[in-house]
Protein backbone atom coordinates (compact mmCIF):
# COMPACT_ATOMS: atom_id res chain seq x y z
CA UNK A 1 -5.71 31.57 12.72
CA UNK A 2 -2.02 31.67 13.79
CA UNK A 3 0.56 29.85 11.67
CA UNK A 4 2.57 28.89 14.74
CA UNK A 5 -0.18 27.75 17.09
CA UNK A 6 -2.36 24.77 16.27
CA UNK A 7 -6.01 25.95 16.34
CA UNK A 8 -8.44 24.20 18.66
CA UNK A 9 -11.67 22.61 17.49
CA UNK A 10 -13.56 25.63 18.84
CA UNK A 11 -11.29 27.99 16.85
CA UNK A 12 -11.86 26.01 13.64
CA UNK A 13 -15.64 25.95 14.09
CA UNK A 14 -15.77 29.70 14.74
CA UNK A 15 -13.57 30.48 11.73
CA UNK A 16 -15.64 28.29 9.43
CA UNK A 17 -18.91 29.82 10.63
CA UNK A 18 -17.39 33.21 9.73
CA UNK A 19 -16.86 32.01 6.15
CA UNK A 20 -13.24 30.76 6.30
CA UNK A 21 -13.18 27.67 4.07
CA UNK A 22 -9.51 27.09 5.00
CA UNK A 23 -10.76 26.30 8.50
CA UNK A 24 -12.94 23.50 7.13
CA UNK A 25 -9.95 22.24 5.10
CA UNK A 26 -8.06 21.99 8.43
CA UNK A 27 -11.01 20.09 9.95
CA UNK A 28 -10.95 17.67 7.02
CA UNK A 29 -7.17 17.14 7.13
CA UNK A 30 -7.29 16.56 10.88
CA UNK A 31 -10.21 14.11 11.03
CA UNK A 32 -10.59 12.49 7.57
CA UNK A 33 -8.48 9.43 8.59
CA UNK A 34 -10.79 8.89 11.58
CA UNK A 35 -14.01 9.16 9.53
CA UNK A 36 -12.70 7.11 6.59
CA UNK A 37 -11.36 4.37 8.90
CA UNK A 38 -14.68 4.29 10.79
CA UNK A 39 -16.58 3.44 7.60
CA UNK A 40 -13.84 1.09 6.38
CA UNK A 41 -13.95 -0.99 9.59
CA UNK A 42 -17.68 -1.58 9.13
CA UNK A 43 -17.17 -3.87 6.15
CA UNK A 44 -17.28 -1.27 3.38
CA UNK A 45 -14.97 -1.30 0.39
CA UNK A 46 -12.57 1.61 0.00
CA UNK A 47 -14.88 3.13 -2.62
CA UNK A 48 -17.96 2.78 -0.38
CA UNK A 49 -16.05 4.12 2.63
CA UNK A 50 -14.92 7.14 0.58
CA UNK A 51 -18.51 7.91 -0.46
CA UNK A 52 -19.73 7.68 3.14
CA UNK A 53 -16.85 9.84 4.38
CA UNK A 54 -17.74 12.39 1.70
CA UNK A 55 -21.37 12.47 2.91
CA UNK A 56 -20.22 12.73 6.54
CA UNK A 57 -18.16 15.88 5.94
CA UNK A 58 -20.82 17.51 3.73
CA UNK A 59 -23.41 16.90 6.45
CA UNK A 60 -20.99 18.33 9.02
CA UNK A 61 -20.46 21.47 6.93
CA UNK A 62 -24.23 21.96 6.66
CA UNK A 63 -24.76 21.59 10.42
CA UNK A 64 -21.90 23.91 11.34
CA UNK A 65 -23.24 26.63 9.05
CA UNK A 66 -26.69 26.45 10.62
CA UNK A 67 -26.48 26.17 14.38
CA UNK A 68 -24.23 23.47 15.82
CA UNK A 69 -20.93 24.47 17.47
CA UNK A 70 -19.27 21.29 18.80
CA UNK A 71 -16.25 21.53 21.07
CA UNK A 72 -15.03 17.97 20.30
CA UNK A 73 -15.07 17.58 16.51
CA UNK A 74 -13.75 14.00 16.55
CA UNK A 75 -16.65 12.60 18.59
CA UNK A 76 -19.13 14.85 16.81
CA UNK A 77 -18.01 13.68 13.34
CA UNK A 78 -18.12 10.03 14.42
CA UNK A 79 -21.68 10.61 15.64
CA UNK A 80 -22.66 11.94 12.19
CA UNK A 81 -20.90 8.98 10.53
CA UNK A 82 -22.79 6.53 12.78
CA UNK A 83 -26.10 8.23 11.99
CA UNK A 84 -25.53 8.13 8.23
CA UNK A 85 -24.51 4.46 8.43
CA UNK A 86 -27.36 3.44 10.73
CA UNK A 87 -24.92 2.07 13.32
CA UNK A 88 -25.79 1.74 16.97
CA UNK A 89 -22.98 3.87 18.36
CA UNK A 90 -19.98 5.90 17.17
CA UNK A 91 -17.23 3.51 18.36
CA UNK A 92 -13.86 4.94 17.25
CA UNK A 93 -11.83 2.93 14.71
CA UNK A 94 -9.03 0.75 16.04
CA UNK A 95 -6.59 1.63 13.26
CA UNK A 96 -6.43 4.83 11.19
CA UNK A 97 -6.14 4.68 7.40
CA UNK A 98 -5.61 7.79 5.27
CA UNK A 99 -8.53 8.68 3.01
CA UNK A 100 -8.00 8.42 -0.77
CA UNK A 101 -6.39 11.60 -2.26
CA UNK A 102 -9.31 12.03 -4.67
CA UNK A 103 -11.74 12.46 -1.74
CA UNK A 104 -10.27 15.76 -0.48
CA UNK A 105 -11.18 17.96 -3.51
CA UNK A 106 -14.61 16.25 -3.74
CA UNK A 107 -15.38 17.49 -0.23
CA UNK A 108 -13.66 20.88 -0.11
CA UNK A 109 -14.71 22.12 -3.56
CA UNK A 110 -18.37 21.55 -2.74
CA UNK A 111 -18.01 23.12 0.73
CA UNK A 112 -16.33 26.20 -0.81
CA UNK A 113 -19.14 26.63 -3.35
CA UNK A 114 -21.81 26.27 -0.65
CA UNK A 115 -20.09 28.80 1.64
CA UNK A 116 -19.81 31.32 -1.21
CA UNK A 117 -23.49 30.83 -2.02
CA UNK A 118 -24.52 31.15 1.62
CA UNK A 119 -22.62 34.41 2.14
CA UNK A 120 -23.96 35.95 -1.07
CA UNK A 121 -27.49 35.29 0.19
CA UNK A 122 -26.95 36.95 3.59
CA UNK A 123 -28.66 40.38 4.15
CA UNK A 124 -26.49 43.49 3.79
CA UNK A 125 -25.29 45.12 6.99
CA UNK A 126 -27.39 48.33 7.66
CA UNK A 127 -24.30 50.54 7.99
CA UNK A 128 -22.96 49.39 4.64
CA UNK A 129 -26.43 49.87 3.12
CA UNK A 130 -26.45 53.54 4.18
CA UNK A 131 -22.95 54.06 2.77
CA UNK A 132 -23.97 52.46 -0.52
CA UNK A 133 -27.11 54.63 -0.82
CA UNK A 134 -25.08 57.80 -0.20
CA UNK A 135 -22.61 56.76 -2.93
CA UNK A 136 -25.41 56.18 -5.46
CA UNK A 137 -26.97 59.59 -4.73
CA UNK A 138 -23.55 61.27 -5.14
CA UNK A 139 -23.04 59.65 -8.54
CA UNK A 140 -26.52 60.70 -9.76
CA UNK A 141 -25.98 64.34 -8.72
CA UNK A 142 -22.63 64.39 -10.48
CA UNK A 143 -24.11 63.03 -13.70
CA UNK A 144 -26.89 65.68 -13.64
CA UNK A 145 -24.27 68.41 -13.25
CA UNK A 146 -22.35 67.14 -16.27
CA UNK A 147 -25.52 67.06 -18.39
CA UNK A 148 -26.41 70.67 -17.52
CA UNK A 149 -22.90 71.96 -18.22
CA UNK A 150 -22.95 70.27 -21.64
CA UNK A 151 -26.14 72.19 -22.64
CA UNK A 152 -25.14 75.73 -21.37
CA UNK A 153 -21.56 76.94 -21.93
CA UNK A 154 -21.08 80.54 -20.69
CA UNK A 155 -17.53 80.66 -22.14
CA UNK A 156 -18.17 80.13 -25.90
CA UNK A 157 -14.71 80.06 -27.53
CA UNK A 158 -16.11 80.91 -31.03
CA UNK A 159 -18.46 83.97 -30.91
CA UNK A 160 -20.61 84.67 -33.97
CA UNK A 161 -19.41 87.47 -36.34
CA UNK A 162 -22.21 89.64 -37.90
CA UNK A 163 -22.94 88.68 -41.51
CA UNK A 164 -21.48 85.16 -41.19
CA UNK A 165 -23.14 81.83 -40.68
CA UNK A 166 -22.82 80.41 -37.20
CA UNK A 167 -20.41 77.50 -36.97
CA UNK A 168 -21.95 74.17 -37.75
CA UNK A 169 -21.57 71.68 -34.97
CA UNK A 170 -19.65 68.61 -35.99
CA UNK A 171 -21.93 65.65 -36.53
CA UNK A 172 -20.98 62.06 -36.30
CA UNK A 173 -22.48 58.91 -37.67
CA UNK A 174 -21.58 55.49 -36.40
CA UNK A 175 -21.88 52.25 -38.30
CA UNK A 176 -21.07 48.90 -36.85
CA UNK A 177 -19.89 45.65 -38.36
CA UNK A 178 -19.02 42.49 -36.49
CA UNK A 179 -15.77 43.06 -34.64
CA UNK A 180 -15.36 46.80 -35.49
CA UNK A 181 -17.08 50.24 -35.33
CA UNK A 182 -16.69 53.20 -37.82
CA UNK A 183 -17.25 56.90 -36.89
CA UNK A 184 -17.61 59.74 -39.54
CA UNK A 185 -17.46 63.52 -38.88
CA UNK A 186 -19.13 66.36 -40.83
CA UNK A 187 -16.29 66.49 -43.34
CA UNK A 188 -16.70 62.88 -44.29
CA UNK A 189 -13.57 61.75 -42.49
CA UNK A 190 -13.97 58.38 -40.76
CA UNK A 191 -12.09 56.29 -38.25
CA UNK A 192 -12.44 52.62 -37.35
CA UNK A 193 -11.79 51.04 -33.99
CA UNK A 194 -11.70 47.36 -33.13
CA UNK A 195 -14.29 45.98 -30.67
CA UNK A 196 -13.52 42.26 -30.95
CA UNK A 197 -15.19 40.26 -28.17
CA UNK A 198 -13.32 37.44 -26.46
CA UNK A 199 -13.49 34.17 -28.36
CA UNK A 200 -16.02 31.65 -26.99
CA UNK A 201 -14.87 28.97 -24.57
CA UNK A 202 -13.28 25.89 -26.13
CA UNK A 203 -12.57 23.09 -23.63
CA UNK A 204 -9.95 20.57 -24.75
CA UNK A 205 -8.36 17.51 -23.07
CA UNK A 206 -4.67 16.67 -22.98
CA UNK A 207 -5.10 13.02 -24.02
CA UNK A 208 -7.54 10.60 -25.62
CA UNK A 209 -6.16 7.53 -23.85
CA UNK A 210 -5.23 6.70 -20.24
CA UNK A 211 -3.48 3.42 -19.41
CA UNK A 212 -3.39 2.12 -15.81
CA UNK A 213 -1.33 -0.91 -16.86
CA UNK A 214 -1.36 -4.02 -14.69
CA UNK A 215 -0.91 -2.41 -11.26
CA UNK A 216 -1.43 1.38 -11.53
CA UNK A 217 -4.00 3.08 -9.29
CA UNK A 218 -3.52 6.83 -9.99
CA UNK A 219 -3.45 8.72 -13.30
CA UNK A 220 -4.31 12.20 -14.53
CA UNK A 221 -5.11 14.42 -17.49
CA UNK A 222 -5.56 18.14 -18.12
CA UNK A 223 -8.47 20.32 -19.19
CA UNK A 224 -7.47 23.32 -21.35
CA UNK A 225 -9.71 26.26 -22.28
CA UNK A 226 -8.19 27.49 -25.55
CA UNK A 227 -10.94 30.12 -25.94
CA UNK A 228 -11.25 33.56 -24.34
CA UNK A 229 -14.47 33.23 -22.33
CA UNK A 230 -15.19 31.13 -19.24
CA UNK A 231 -16.69 27.72 -19.91
CA UNK A 232 -18.44 25.22 -17.64
CA UNK A 233 -17.72 21.48 -17.76
CA UNK A 234 -18.53 18.19 -16.06
CA UNK A 235 -16.92 14.75 -16.09
CA UNK A 236 -18.54 11.30 -15.81
CA UNK A 237 -17.07 7.79 -15.64
CA UNK A 238 -18.47 4.53 -16.99
CA UNK A 239 -17.14 2.70 -13.91
CA UNK A 240 -17.81 3.33 -10.21
CA UNK A 241 -14.31 1.99 -9.51
CA UNK A 242 -12.76 5.14 -11.08
CA UNK A 243 -12.89 8.12 -8.71
CA UNK A 244 -12.60 11.62 -10.25
CA UNK A 245 -10.90 14.36 -8.21
CA UNK A 246 -13.38 17.00 -9.43
CA UNK A 247 -16.59 16.20 -11.28
CA UNK A 248 -17.61 19.66 -12.50
CA UNK A 249 -16.55 23.30 -12.58
CA UNK A 250 -15.64 26.29 -14.73
CA UNK A 251 -12.46 27.18 -16.57
CA UNK A 252 -11.44 30.72 -17.55
CA UNK A 253 -10.04 31.61 -20.95
CA UNK A 254 -6.50 30.30 -21.34
CA UNK A 255 -6.63 28.40 -18.05
CA UNK A 256 -5.57 24.77 -17.46
CA UNK A 257 -6.74 22.35 -14.76
CA UNK A 258 -5.37 18.93 -13.76
CA UNK A 259 -7.92 16.17 -13.10
CA UNK A 260 -6.79 13.12 -11.10
CA UNK A 261 -8.26 9.65 -11.56
CA UNK A 262 -7.98 6.94 -8.91
CA UNK A 263 -8.66 3.28 -9.74
CA UNK A 264 -10.04 1.11 -6.92
CA UNK A 265 -8.64 -2.30 -7.90
CA UNK A 266 -10.54 -4.03 -5.10
CA UNK A 267 -13.79 -3.30 -6.93
CA UNK A 268 -12.98 -4.31 -10.52
CA UNK A 269 -13.24 -7.71 -12.14
CA UNK A 270 -10.21 -9.66 -13.24
CA UNK A 271 -9.34 -9.15 -16.88
CA UNK A 272 -8.88 -6.27 -19.30
CA UNK A 273 -10.02 -2.78 -18.26
CA UNK A 274 -12.03 -0.97 -20.93
CA UNK A 275 -13.82 2.08 -19.51
CA UNK A 276 -14.62 5.61 -20.68
CA UNK A 277 -14.23 9.06 -19.10
CA UNK A 278 -16.55 11.63 -20.71
CA UNK A 279 -15.91 15.39 -20.51
CA UNK A 280 -19.02 17.45 -21.35
CA UNK A 281 -19.00 21.21 -21.89
CA UNK A 282 -21.29 23.82 -23.40
CA UNK A 283 -19.78 23.42 -26.86
CA UNK A 284 -19.44 19.64 -27.10
CA UNK A 285 -17.91 16.58 -25.46
CA UNK A 286 -14.71 14.57 -25.36
CA UNK A 287 -14.32 10.85 -24.60
CA UNK A 288 -11.14 9.43 -23.04
CA UNK A 289 -10.54 5.68 -23.31
CA UNK A 290 -9.35 4.16 -20.01
CA UNK A 291 -7.49 0.85 -20.46
CA UNK A 292 -5.36 -1.53 -18.43
CA UNK A 293 -5.64 -4.96 -16.88
CA UNK A 294 -6.29 -6.50 -13.50
CA UNK A 295 -5.14 -9.92 -12.37
CA UNK A 296 -6.11 -11.93 -9.28
CA UNK A 297 -4.24 -15.04 -8.15
CA UNK A 298 -6.35 -18.05 -7.15
CA UNK A 299 -6.86 -18.20 -3.38
CA UNK A 300 -6.54 -21.52 -1.58
CA UNK A 301 -8.41 -21.98 1.69
CA UNK A 302 -8.01 -24.67 4.38
CA UNK A 303 -5.46 -27.04 2.80
CA UNK A 304 -5.29 -30.28 4.82
CA UNK A 305 -4.38 -33.95 4.72
CA UNK A 306 -6.57 -36.69 6.16
CA UNK A 307 -5.09 -38.53 7.92
CA UNK A 308 -2.39 -36.01 8.78
CA UNK A 309 -0.18 -38.81 10.22
CA UNK A 310 0.90 -41.95 8.31
CA UNK A 311 2.58 -45.02 9.84
CA UNK A 312 5.26 -46.85 7.85
CA UNK A 313 8.14 -49.25 8.54
CA UNK A 314 10.94 -50.86 6.59
CA UNK A 315 9.18 -54.24 6.20
CA UNK A 316 5.91 -52.69 4.89
CA UNK A 317 3.85 -54.03 7.79
CA UNK A 318 1.72 -50.83 7.97
CA UNK A 319 -1.15 -50.43 5.54
CA UNK A 320 -2.18 -46.74 5.84
CA UNK A 321 0.68 -45.31 3.78
CA UNK A 322 -1.56 -42.95 1.78
CA UNK A 323 -3.52 -39.81 2.66
CA UNK A 324 -6.20 -37.63 1.03
CA UNK A 325 -5.29 -33.98 0.47
CA UNK A 326 -8.13 -31.44 0.07
CA UNK A 327 -8.58 -27.66 -0.22
CA UNK A 328 -11.11 -25.02 -1.24
CA UNK A 329 -9.94 -22.99 -4.27
CA UNK A 330 -11.54 -19.73 -5.42
CA UNK A 331 -10.79 -17.32 -8.25
CA UNK A 332 -12.69 -14.67 -10.21
CA UNK A 333 -11.57 -16.35 -13.46
CA UNK A 334 -12.16 -20.00 -14.44
CA UNK A 335 -9.54 -22.41 -13.11
CA UNK A 336 -7.23 -24.24 -15.50
CA UNK A 337 -5.95 -26.88 -13.04
CA UNK A 338 -5.25 -27.65 -9.38
CA UNK A 339 -2.33 -29.93 -8.48
CA UNK A 340 -0.68 -31.25 -5.31
CA UNK A 341 3.11 -31.55 -5.13
CA UNK A 342 4.73 -34.00 -2.68
CA UNK A 343 7.69 -36.31 -2.13
CA UNK A 344 7.26 -39.97 -1.00
CA UNK A 345 10.76 -40.24 0.48
CA UNK A 346 12.08 -36.69 0.93
CA UNK A 347 13.77 -36.76 -2.48
CA UNK A 348 12.34 -36.28 -5.96
CA UNK A 349 9.03 -34.42 -6.06
CA UNK A 350 5.87 -35.84 -7.57
CA UNK A 351 2.80 -33.98 -8.82
CA UNK A 352 -0.76 -35.27 -8.73
CA UNK A 353 -3.75 -33.49 -10.25
CA UNK A 354 -6.61 -32.76 -7.85
CA UNK A 355 -10.20 -33.43 -8.88
CA UNK A 356 -13.33 -31.32 -8.10
CA UNK A 357 -15.17 -32.59 -5.02
CA UNK A 358 -18.11 -30.22 -4.58
CA UNK A 359 -18.45 -26.42 -4.61
CA UNK A 360 -14.94 -24.92 -4.82
CA UNK A 361 -13.51 -28.13 -3.29
CA UNK A 362 -10.65 -30.17 -4.77
CA UNK A 363 -8.99 -33.36 -3.49
CA UNK A 364 -6.45 -36.04 -4.40
CA UNK A 365 -4.99 -39.21 -2.84
CA UNK A 366 -1.20 -39.19 -2.49
CA UNK A 367 1.19 -41.94 -1.38
CA UNK A 368 2.57 -44.39 -0.53
CA UNK A 369 5.16 -42.74 1.73
CA UNK A 370 8.22 -44.81 2.61
CA UNK A 371 10.51 -42.66 4.78
CA UNK A 372 9.84 -41.58 8.33
CA UNK A 373 9.81 -37.76 8.24
CA UNK A 374 7.55 -34.71 8.23
CA UNK A 375 7.01 -33.68 4.63
CA UNK A 376 5.51 -30.55 3.06
CA UNK A 377 2.56 -31.02 0.75
CA UNK A 378 1.95 -28.02 -1.54
CA UNK A 379 -1.27 -27.27 -3.43
CA UNK A 380 -0.96 -25.01 -6.52
CA UNK A 381 -3.90 -23.61 -8.55
CA UNK A 382 -3.70 -22.05 -12.04
CA UNK A 383 -6.45 -19.96 -13.71
CA UNK A 384 -7.10 -19.57 -17.43
CA UNK A 385 -5.29 -16.18 -17.48
CA UNK A 386 -2.03 -17.79 -16.27
CA UNK A 387 -2.19 -16.61 -12.65
CA UNK A 388 -1.14 -19.03 -9.92
CA UNK A 389 -1.71 -19.29 -6.18
CA UNK A 390 -0.40 -21.80 -3.66
CA UNK A 391 -0.71 -23.04 -0.08
CA UNK A 392 1.10 -25.66 1.97
CA UNK A 393 0.15 -28.28 4.57
CA UNK A 394 2.18 -31.07 6.18
CA UNK A 395 2.00 -34.83 6.57
CA UNK A 396 3.78 -36.58 9.45
CA UNK A 397 5.21 -39.99 8.47
CA UNK A 398 5.98 -42.15 11.57
CA UNK A 399 6.98 -45.72 12.32
CA UNK A 400 4.47 -48.42 13.09
CA UNK A 401 3.95 -48.93 16.80
């Protein structure tokens, strides 16, 4: 594909079907916001939408490799997304949201492995098969020629002299010990050569503790193979809210790999975070403690005053100088208190505690009001962890008719 000309959908499909995984990476980069936003707009959390987007692209890779060759990838991918979600039709999303960074390697690494596996299983081209057979026959004939020339040497550099013993061919004995080999000739002289094999794989992690703090969403650590041989590994998390950029793989001797973690704060409970990331490999396992905290402010719904209008006058002829303020308050932690703040005359502020009045409901009677004005009435809720949330309504104070 040209670096200066943007490839069409047909170009990308053809390149991928020919085994070019970079073409599928271009497909993902071009359409992942569309697919992720499609799932997100159907009421899924970001974590659920990421999982469904992952399945959508893996299904697309499988179909492209088999038989399908769509000309409009956007509509085709939305059709796959709708089928996996059980939706009636692939309506495009109204607003595009970029997919989480951790989703890209989850998709492309698996696609790359599947493409490599698929191409290794394809039958060998007949022309290359004939060339390979000819090369094997040539090698065999050459080896036979070397064996024959080693047995019969017409140009003996040391002819036998009458009355003398023929020269004794040098003999060698080889003994082996772990890590070295020793060779002796007929005169008893010996030499030792090193044959040390590469040290076994030894997967290590760069840290035993990861702290997301109170608002962090992305963190990372490194895998290090301090051995000489390749080693396989896999990573698991104790929480579905922690996405891992790559869940398994291999690491060559002396190589290092960075693993990214993404915390979905919309899907974790309020309070302290205490989770574990486990790295397993053929020689053992490592556990990484994941800590932090997550706080949610109380949310106040539908604050209102009833009545919302109060009639007063200077000679106190009006009687309805009070009103009842109510609101629905919700929080993932227990509530400490809910109060209403108001001013009877536009001056000093008063505070009245609100009492529970049914499921999530709180109310309080405030008044009397004495000054004709429109005054703000603010409701403030505190939870046991010290978080606060507020909302405001208004009360109109008018003169008696």
